[in-house]
Amino acid sequence: MIAIFNLLTSIIDIYTFLLIMSVVLSWLVAFNVVNTQNRFVYMVGDFLHRITEPVLGPIRRFMPNMGGLDISPIILILALYFIRDLLRDILL
C-alpha cells in the first residue's frame, strides 16, 4: 500500500508542478517576456496547455466571471492537495 501511495503522490506532485509551469508560462507570454514564435516556447506551451486544459476547462465552466482573473489553477491545486491527503488517510 505504501508503494501505491508513493506512486499516486508522485503523480499528483508532478501534475501540480506542470500546472504551475503552465500558469507561469501563460504570464510570460501575456507580458511579452517570451515569444511564442520561438519553436521551443511554442512546443512547451502547447504541451502544457494540452496536459492541463482537460482538467481546468470544467472548473472554468463552473466558476463565475471574475473580470479576467482566472483562479481555476488555484482551485485545482487545492483539490489535488486534498486528494493527496485523503489518499494518505485511506491508504496509510
C-alpha atoms as a PDB file:
ATOM      1  CA  MET A   1       0.000   0.000   0.000  1.00  0.00           C
ATOM      2  CA  ILE A   2       2.855   2.373   0.665  1.00  0.00           C
ATOM      3  CA  ALA A   3       4.146   1.870  -2.876  1.00  0.00           C
ATOM      4  CA  ILE A   4       0.724   2.764  -4.323  1.00  0.00           C
ATOM      5  CA  PHE A   5       0.535   5.842  -2.123  1.00  0.00           C
ATOM      6  CA  ASN A   6       4.036   6.936  -3.154  1.00  0.00           C
ATOM      7  CA  LEU A   7       3.196   6.472  -6.838  1.00  0.00           C
ATOM      8  CA  LEU A   8      -0.044   8.447  -6.600  1.00  0.00           C
ATOM      9  CA  THR A   9       1.636  11.175  -4.559  1.00  0.00           C
ATOM     10  CA  SER A  10       4.396  11.468  -7.153  1.00  0.00           C
ATOM     11  CA  ILE A  11       1.853  11.752  -9.973  1.00  0.00           C
ATOM     12  CA  ILE A  12      -0.050  14.468  -8.090  1.00  0.00           C
ATOM     13  CA  ASP A  13       3.179  16.369  -7.359  1.00  0.00           C
ATOM     14  CA  ILE A  14       4.342  16.197 -10.986  1.00  0.00           C
ATOM     15  CA  TYR A  15       0.945  17.378 -12.242  1.00  0.00           C
ATOM     16  CA  THR A  16       0.969  20.251  -9.736  1.00  0.00           C
ATOM     17  CA  PHE A  17       4.416  21.265 -10.987  1.00  0.00           C
ATOM     18  CA  LEU A  18       3.225  21.159 -14.609  1.00  0.00           C
ATOM     19  CA  LEU A  19       0.206  23.238 -13.662  1.00  0.00           C
ATOM     20  CA  ILE A  20       2.390  25.896 -12.044  1.00  0.00           C
ATOM     21  CA  MET A  21       4.678  25.880 -15.092  1.00  0.00           C
ATOM     22  CA  SER A  22       1.651  26.411 -17.327  1.00  0.00           C
ATOM     23  CA  VAL A  23       0.493  29.401 -15.278  1.00  0.00           C
ATOM     24  CA  VAL A  24       3.949  30.990 -15.247  1.00  0.00           C
ATOM     25  CA  LEU A  25       4.393  30.458 -18.990  1.00  0.00           C
ATOM     26  CA  SER A  26       0.999  31.999 -19.708  1.00  0.00           C
ATOM     27  CA  TRP A  27       2.026  35.072 -17.674  1.00  0.00           C
ATOM     28  CA  LEU A  28       5.345  35.298 -19.528  1.00  0.00           C
ATOM     29  CA  VAL A  29       3.566  35.121 -22.879  1.00  0.00           C
ATOM     30  CA  ALA A  30       0.933  37.660 -21.792  1.00  0.00           C
ATOM     31  CA  PHE A  31       3.588  40.194 -20.752  1.00  0.00           C
ATOM     32  CA  ASN A  32       5.713  39.570 -23.891  1.00  0.00           C
ATOM     33  CA  VAL A  33       8.672  38.226 -21.947  1.00  0.00           C
ATOM     34  CA  VAL A  34       8.830  35.140 -24.145  1.00  0.00           C
ATOM     35  CA  ASN A  35       7.746  34.922 -27.741  1.00  0.00           C
ATOM     36  CA  THR A  36       5.584  32.057 -28.967  1.00  0.00           C
ATOM     37  CA  GLN A  37       7.154  32.449 -32.413  1.00  0.00           C
ATOM     38  CA  ASN A  38      10.117  30.587 -30.927  1.00  0.00           C
ATOM     39  CA  ARG A  39       9.521  26.935 -31.770  1.00  0.00           C
ATOM     40  CA  PHE A  40      10.696  25.594 -28.391  1.00  0.00           C
ATOM     41  CA  VAL A  41       8.499  28.009 -26.425  1.00  0.00           C
ATOM     42  CA  TYR A  42       5.554  27.108 -28.633  1.00  0.00           C
ATOM     43  CA  MET A  43       6.108  23.364 -28.132  1.00  0.00           C
ATOM     44  CA  VAL A  44       6.415  23.703 -24.345  1.00  0.00           C
ATOM     45  CA  GLY A  45       3.331  25.924 -24.187  1.00  0.00           C
ATOM     46  CA  ASP A  46       1.337  23.571 -26.380  1.00  0.00           C
ATOM     47  CA  PHE A  47       2.329  20.565 -24.265  1.00  0.00           C
ATOM     48  CA  LEU A  48       1.414  22.334 -21.019  1.00  0.00           C
ATOM     49  CA  HIS A  49      -1.888  23.513 -22.485  1.00  0.00           C
ATOM     50  CA  ARG A  50      -2.795  20.010 -23.685  1.00  0.00           C
ATOM     51  CA  ILE A  51      -1.907  18.445 -20.337  1.00  0.00           C
ATOM     52  CA  THR A  52      -3.704  20.964 -18.101  1.00  0.00           C
ATOM     53  CA  GLU A  53      -6.677  22.193 -20.136  1.00  0.00           C
ATOM     54  CA  PRO A  54      -8.784  18.990 -19.918  1.00  0.00           C
ATOM     55  CA  VAL A  55      -8.868  19.400 -16.143  1.00  0.00           C
ATOM     56  CA  LEU A  56      -9.016  23.198 -15.967  1.00  0.00           C
ATOM     57  CA  GLY A  57     -11.785  23.540 -18.585  1.00  0.00           C
ATOM     58  CA  PRO A  58     -14.577  22.010 -16.491  1.00  0.00           C
ATOM     59  CA  ILE A  59     -13.501  24.055 -13.465  1.00  0.00           C
ATOM     60  CA  ARG A  60     -13.669  27.250 -15.528  1.00  0.00           C
ATOM     61  CA  ARG A  61     -17.209  26.440 -16.660  1.00  0.00           C
ATOM     62  CA  PHE A  62     -18.435  26.395 -13.047  1.00  0.00           C
ATOM     63  CA  MET A  63     -16.505  29.490 -11.964  1.00  0.00           C
ATOM     64  CA  PRO A  64     -18.207  32.882 -12.034  1.00  0.00           C
ATOM     65  CA  ASN A  65     -16.727  35.598 -14.240  1.00  0.00           C
ATOM     66  CA  MET A  66     -14.069  37.361 -12.183  1.00  0.00           C
ATOM     67  CA  GLY A  67     -13.147  40.045 -14.689  1.00  0.00           C
ATOM     68  CA  GLY A  68     -10.211  38.362 -16.376  1.00  0.00           C
ATOM     69  CA  LEU A  69      -8.812  36.771 -13.209  1.00  0.00           C
ATOM     70  CA  ASP A  70      -8.518  33.002 -13.603  1.00  0.00           C
ATOM     71  CA  ILE A  71      -8.351  31.225 -10.258  1.00  0.00           C
ATOM     72  CA  SER A  72      -9.070  27.754 -11.651  1.00  0.00           C
ATOM     73  CA  PRO A  73      -5.410  26.649 -11.247  1.00  0.00           C
ATOM     74  CA  ILE A  74      -5.557  27.567  -7.554  1.00  0.00           C
ATOM     75  CA  ILE A  75      -8.751  25.574  -7.105  1.00  0.00           C
ATOM     76  CA  LEU A  76      -7.206  22.614  -8.919  1.00  0.00           C
ATOM     77  CA  ILE A  77      -4.051  22.729  -6.795  1.00  0.00           C
ATOM     78  CA  LEU A  78      -6.138  22.811  -3.615  1.00  0.00           C
ATOM     79  CA  ALA A  79      -8.195  19.866  -4.893  1.00  0.00           C
ATOM     80  CA  LEU A  80      -5.034  17.907  -5.721  1.00  0.00           C
ATOM     81  CA  TYR A  81      -3.633  18.531  -2.231  1.00  0.00           C
ATOM     82  CA  PHE A  82      -6.966  17.457  -0.728  1.00  0.00           C
ATOM     83  CA  ILE A  83      -6.920  14.236  -2.767  1.00  0.00           C
ATOM     84  CA  ARG A  84      -3.325  13.568  -1.730  1.00  0.00           C
ATOM     85  CA  ASP A  85      -4.185  13.989   1.956  1.00  0.00           C
ATOM     86  CA  LEU A  86      -7.304  11.891   1.567  1.00  0.00           C
ATOM     87  CA  LEU A  87      -5.262   9.093  -0.029  1.00  0.00           C
ATOM     88  CA  ARG A  88      -2.775   9.274   2.823  1.00  0.00           C
ATOM     89  CA  ASP A  89      -5.567   8.829   5.358  1.00  0.00           C
ATOM     90  CA  ILE A  90      -7.129   5.947   3.419  1.00  0.00           C
ATOM     91  CA  LEU A  91      -4.004   4.026   2.397  1.00  0.00           C
ATOM     92  CA  LEU A  92      -1.744   4.554   5.386  1.00  0.00           C
END
